[in-house]
Amino acid sequence: MKTIISVIMFLMMTTLSYSNDIYVTQSGNALDLDITQDGENNTVGNSTTASASADATTILNIDQIGDSHVITYQIAGATYTGVINLVGNSNNVDLNCDSGGSNSSCGTANAVINFTGSSNDIDLDIGQTSSASTADVDLVGQSGSDSNVIAATVDGNSAVLTITVNGDTNNYLIDIDGNGDANGHTLIHSHTGSIADVDIIQSGVNDNMITLTTSGDNADIDISQTD
């Protein structure tokens, strides 16, 4: 099947700032897309119009440098591999893999989100309609990454979520669901810094595992595992 890619870019320039908005609507057999944005207030999709890929295989790499960027992306397909790099403050990421539809199983997902900066809001959902067979997610906050909010929902028969953040006053909302047993649920969380608010929920049956390391004062951690 022929791959169809539709990309609309709006460029706006004022005397004070530069910004560009990118909207992607794609369908076909495979997509390999690299996006780099530098400046302020740039978007790949937005809160009202998400960029979307409906494809068997999606490789998506996005680099955003600067403040107040937005990524809103919906992926429907069997395989997703992607890296998002953020350098700056007050950025917003809303990434969904398996956002509905008969072909949106998101069977294999490998996602990496690296960020350096403060007041970022990262929302990641994998396996929304049906559990992924394999999900491997790494969320990494470099030194000085303060006051960030990370919300991750990963439904996978084999789900490995690793969070490593070096900063203060960060908030983590984690929900791992799907099938347990035979190396099912896994969470590896490492935090360096003070004032961390962590809520974690995992479900069974069996194979629940959490490895949690924190450093610093005033950490509020709630963990609930079901079986």
Protein backbone atom coordinates (compact mmCIF):
# COMPACT_ATOMS: atom_id res chain seq x y z
CA MET A 1 0.00 0.00 0.00
CA LYS A 2 1.26 3.40 -0.86
CA THR A 3 2.19 5.56 2.07
CA ILE A 4 0.34 8.85 2.28
CA ILE A 5 1.86 11.66 4.27
CA SER A 6 0.23 15.03 4.69
CA VAL A 7 2.19 17.70 6.49
CA ILE A 8 0.95 21.24 6.97
CA MET A 9 3.34 23.78 8.40
CA PHE A 10 2.43 27.28 9.43
CA LEU A 11 5.24 29.72 9.98
CA MET A 12 4.58 32.80 12.05
CA MET A 13 7.13 35.49 12.77
CA THR A 14 6.90 38.59 14.93
CA THR A 15 9.52 41.02 16.08
CA LEU A 16 9.58 39.24 19.45
CA SER A 17 9.57 35.51 18.73
CA TYR A 18 9.56 32.75 16.17
CA SER A 19 7.21 29.78 16.14
CA ASN A 20 6.10 27.11 13.74
CA ASP A 21 3.19 24.69 13.86
CA ILE A 22 3.38 21.25 12.26
CA TYR A 23 0.40 18.97 11.68
CA VAL A 24 0.94 15.44 10.40
CA THR A 25 -1.71 13.09 9.05
CA GLN A 26 -0.24 9.88 7.67
CA SER A 27 -1.41 6.44 6.56
CA GLY A 28 0.25 3.59 4.69
CA ASN A 29 2.75 0.83 5.35
CA ALA A 30 5.60 2.59 7.13
CA LEU A 31 6.60 6.01 8.42
CA ASP A 32 10.07 7.21 9.40
CA LEU A 33 9.75 10.84 10.48
CA ASP A 34 12.33 13.16 12.06
CA ILE A 35 11.31 16.62 13.28
CA THR A 36 13.56 19.31 14.76
CA GLN A 37 12.19 22.59 16.14
CA ASP A 38 14.20 25.39 17.70
CA GLY A 39 12.84 28.53 19.31
CA GLU A 40 9.67 29.05 21.33
CA ASN A 41 5.99 28.10 21.14
CA ASN A 42 6.48 25.49 18.42
CA THR A 43 3.95 22.68 18.05
CA VAL A 44 3.59 19.23 16.51
CA GLY A 45 -0.18 19.02 16.72
CA ASN A 46 -1.96 20.87 19.50
CA SER A 47 -4.65 20.43 22.16
CA THR A 48 -7.47 20.56 19.61
CA THR A 49 -5.84 18.94 16.55
CA ALA A 50 -3.46 16.04 17.17
CA SER A 51 -0.98 14.85 14.59
CA ALA A 52 -1.66 11.23 13.68
CA SER A 53 -0.04 8.18 12.09
CA ALA A 54 -2.08 5.15 11.08
CA ASP A 55 0.48 2.65 9.89
CA ALA A 56 1.88 -0.80 10.52
CA THR A 57 5.26 0.62 11.52
CA THR A 58 5.97 4.11 12.87
CA ILE A 59 9.42 5.52 13.65
CA LEU A 60 9.04 8.99 15.12
CA ASN A 61 11.89 11.16 16.40
CA ILE A 62 11.23 14.70 17.61
CA ASP A 63 13.76 17.23 18.93
CA GLN A 64 12.48 20.47 20.45
CA ILE A 65 14.84 23.11 21.79
CA GLY A 66 13.45 26.10 23.67
CA ASP A 67 10.44 26.86 25.81
CA SER A 68 6.68 26.37 25.63
CA HIS A 69 6.61 23.72 22.90
CA VAL A 70 3.71 21.32 22.36
CA ILE A 71 3.67 17.73 21.04
CA THR A 72 0.27 16.07 20.59
CA TYR A 73 0.58 12.86 18.62
CA GLN A 74 -1.63 9.80 18.15
CA ILE A 75 -0.18 6.57 16.77
CA ALA A 76 -2.30 3.69 15.49
CA GLY A 77 -0.36 0.68 14.31
CA ALA A 78 1.38 -2.54 15.24
CA THR A 79 4.89 -1.21 15.92
CA TYR A 80 6.04 2.13 17.31
CA THR A 81 9.62 3.23 17.95
CA GLY A 82 10.43 6.79 18.89
CA VAL A 83 12.70 9.22 20.71
CA ILE A 84 11.60 12.64 21.94
CA ASN A 85 14.28 15.07 23.12
CA LEU A 86 13.25 18.22 24.97
CA VAL A 87 15.60 20.98 26.03
CA GLY A 88 13.78 23.86 27.68
CA ASN A 89 11.01 24.79 30.06
CA SER A 90 7.21 24.66 30.12
CA ASN A 91 6.93 22.11 27.31
CA ASN A 92 3.87 19.89 26.90
CA VAL A 93 3.90 16.34 25.49
CA ASP A 94 0.78 14.23 24.95
CA LEU A 95 1.72 11.00 23.16
CA ASN A 96 -0.79 8.20 22.58
CA CYS A 97 -0.03 4.82 21.05
CA ASP A 98 -3.16 2.77 20.25
CA SER A 99 -5.72 5.55 20.32
CA GLY A 100 -8.66 3.59 18.97
CA GLY A 101 -9.68 1.75 15.83
CA SER A 102 -9.42 -1.83 14.64
CA ASN A 103 -5.80 -1.58 13.44
CA SER A 104 -4.35 0.29 16.42
CA SER A 105 -3.04 -2.56 18.53
CA CYS A 106 0.34 -0.93 19.19
CA GLY A 107 1.63 -4.46 19.69
CA THR A 108 5.26 -3.42 20.18
CA ALA A 109 6.19 -0.02 21.58
CA ASN A 110 9.65 1.33 22.35
CA ALA A 111 9.55 4.92 23.53
CA VAL A 112 12.27 7.17 24.94
CA ILE A 113 11.60 10.69 26.24
CA ASN A 114 14.62 12.74 27.32
CA PHE A 115 14.11 16.16 28.87
CA THR A 116 16.25 18.87 30.36
CA GLY A 117 14.40 21.73 31.98
CA SER A 118 11.62 22.64 34.36
CA SER A 119 7.82 22.85 34.44
CA ASN A 120 7.36 20.33 31.65
CA ASP A 121 4.15 18.28 31.39
CA ILE A 122 4.61 14.80 29.87
CA ASP A 123 1.59 12.54 29.31
CA LEU A 124 2.20 9.12 27.77
CA ASP A 125 -0.45 6.45 27.02
CA ILE A 126 0.43 3.09 25.46
CA GLY A 127 -2.02 0.26 24.80
CA GLN A 128 -5.21 2.24 25.33
CA THR A 129 -7.62 0.05 23.37
CA SER A 130 -5.84 -3.29 23.76
CA SER A 131 -2.70 -4.20 25.69
CA ALA A 132 0.58 -4.09 23.86
CA SER A 133 2.49 -7.35 23.64
CA THR A 134 5.74 -5.60 24.52
CA ALA A 135 6.22 -2.07 25.86
CA ASP A 136 9.61 -0.64 26.80
CA VAL A 137 9.47 2.98 27.94
CA ASP A 138 12.29 5.17 29.27
CA LEU A 139 11.64 8.63 30.71
CA VAL A 140 14.84 10.49 31.56
CA GLY A 141 15.15 13.92 33.17
CA GLN A 142 18.64 15.35 33.16
CA SER A 143 20.23 17.31 36.01
CA GLY A 144 18.30 20.45 36.93
CA SER A 145 14.94 19.12 35.76
CA ASP A 146 12.61 20.59 38.38
CA SER A 147 8.85 20.92 38.88
CA ASN A 148 7.94 18.54 36.07
CA VAL A 149 4.77 16.42 35.85
CA ILE A 150 5.00 12.93 34.34
CA ALA A 151 1.85 10.88 33.79
CA ALA A 152 2.34 7.46 32.18
CA THR A 153 -0.25 4.77 31.53
CA VAL A 154 1.20 1.62 29.99
CA ASP A 155 -0.94 -1.43 29.27
CA GLY A 156 1.21 -4.29 28.10
CA ASN A 157 1.61 -8.02 28.57
CA SER A 158 5.29 -7.25 29.05
CA ALA A 159 5.66 -3.66 30.22
CA VAL A 160 8.94 -2.19 31.37
CA LEU A 161 8.80 1.46 32.46
CA THR A 162 11.99 3.13 33.63
CA ILE A 163 11.95 6.65 35.08
CA THR A 164 15.19 8.43 35.96
CA VAL A 165 14.97 12.11 36.88
CA ASN A 166 17.58 14.35 38.50
CA GLY A 167 15.72 17.32 39.91
CA ASP A 168 13.46 18.69 42.62
CA THR A 169 9.70 19.03 43.14
CA ASN A 170 8.65 16.57 40.47
CA ASN A 171 5.31 14.76 40.28
CA TYR A 172 4.97 11.21 38.90
CA LEU A 173 1.60 9.59 38.16
CA ILE A 174 2.13 6.02 36.94
CA ASP A 175 -0.43 3.35 36.03
CA ILE A 176 0.76 0.05 34.57
CA ASP A 177 -1.99 -2.39 33.63
CA GLY A 178 -2.52 -5.38 31.32
CA ASN A 179 -1.57 -9.02 31.81
CA GLY A 180 0.79 -10.25 34.48
CA ASP A 181 2.79 -13.48 34.76
CA ALA A 182 5.66 -14.60 32.51
CA ASN A 183 7.57 -11.32 33.00
CA GLY A 184 4.61 -9.00 32.93
CA HIS A 185 4.46 -5.81 34.99
CA THR A 186 7.71 -4.06 35.80
CA LEU A 187 8.58 -0.58 37.04
CA ILE A 188 12.08 0.73 37.70
CA HIS A 189 12.06 4.21 39.21
CA SER A 190 15.10 6.20 40.24
CA HIS A 191 14.86 9.73 41.60
CA THR A 192 17.58 12.13 42.70
CA GLY A 193 16.49 15.35 44.34
CA SER A 194 14.04 16.58 46.93
CA ILE A 195 10.26 16.90 47.14
CA ALA A 196 8.97 14.11 44.90
CA ASP A 197 5.28 13.16 44.73
CA VAL A 198 4.98 9.62 43.32
CA ASP A 199 1.75 7.64 42.80
CA ILE A 200 2.11 4.15 41.31
CA ILE A 201 -0.56 1.55 40.52
CA GLN A 202 0.12 -1.88 39.03
CA SER A 203 -2.30 -4.77 38.52
CA GLY A 204 -1.96 -8.60 38.38
CA VAL A 205 -2.11 -11.48 38.03
CA ASN A 206 1.42 -11.99 39.48
CA ASP A 207 4.68 -10.69 37.99
CA ASN A 208 4.29 -7.29 39.68
CA MET A 209 7.71 -5.85 40.42
CA ILE A 210 8.83 -2.40 41.52
CA THR A 211 12.42 -1.30 42.03
CA LEU A 212 12.38 2.19 43.56
CA THR A 213 15.36 4.35 44.54
CA THR A 214 14.98 7.91 45.79
CA SER A 215 17.37 10.52 47.13
CA GLY A 216 16.66 13.72 49.01
CA ASP A 217 14.06 14.98 51.45
CA ASN A 218 10.27 15.22 51.47
CA ALA A 219 9.29 12.40 49.11
CA ASP A 220 5.62 11.36 49.15
CA ILE A 221 5.29 7.88 47.63
CA ASP A 222 2.08 5.83 47.28
CA ILE A 223 2.36 2.34 45.78
CA SER A 224 -0.55 -0.01 45.10
CA GLN A 225 -0.10 -3.46 43.54
CA THR A 226 -2.99 -5.81 42.87
CA ASP A 227 -2.97 -9.53 42.24
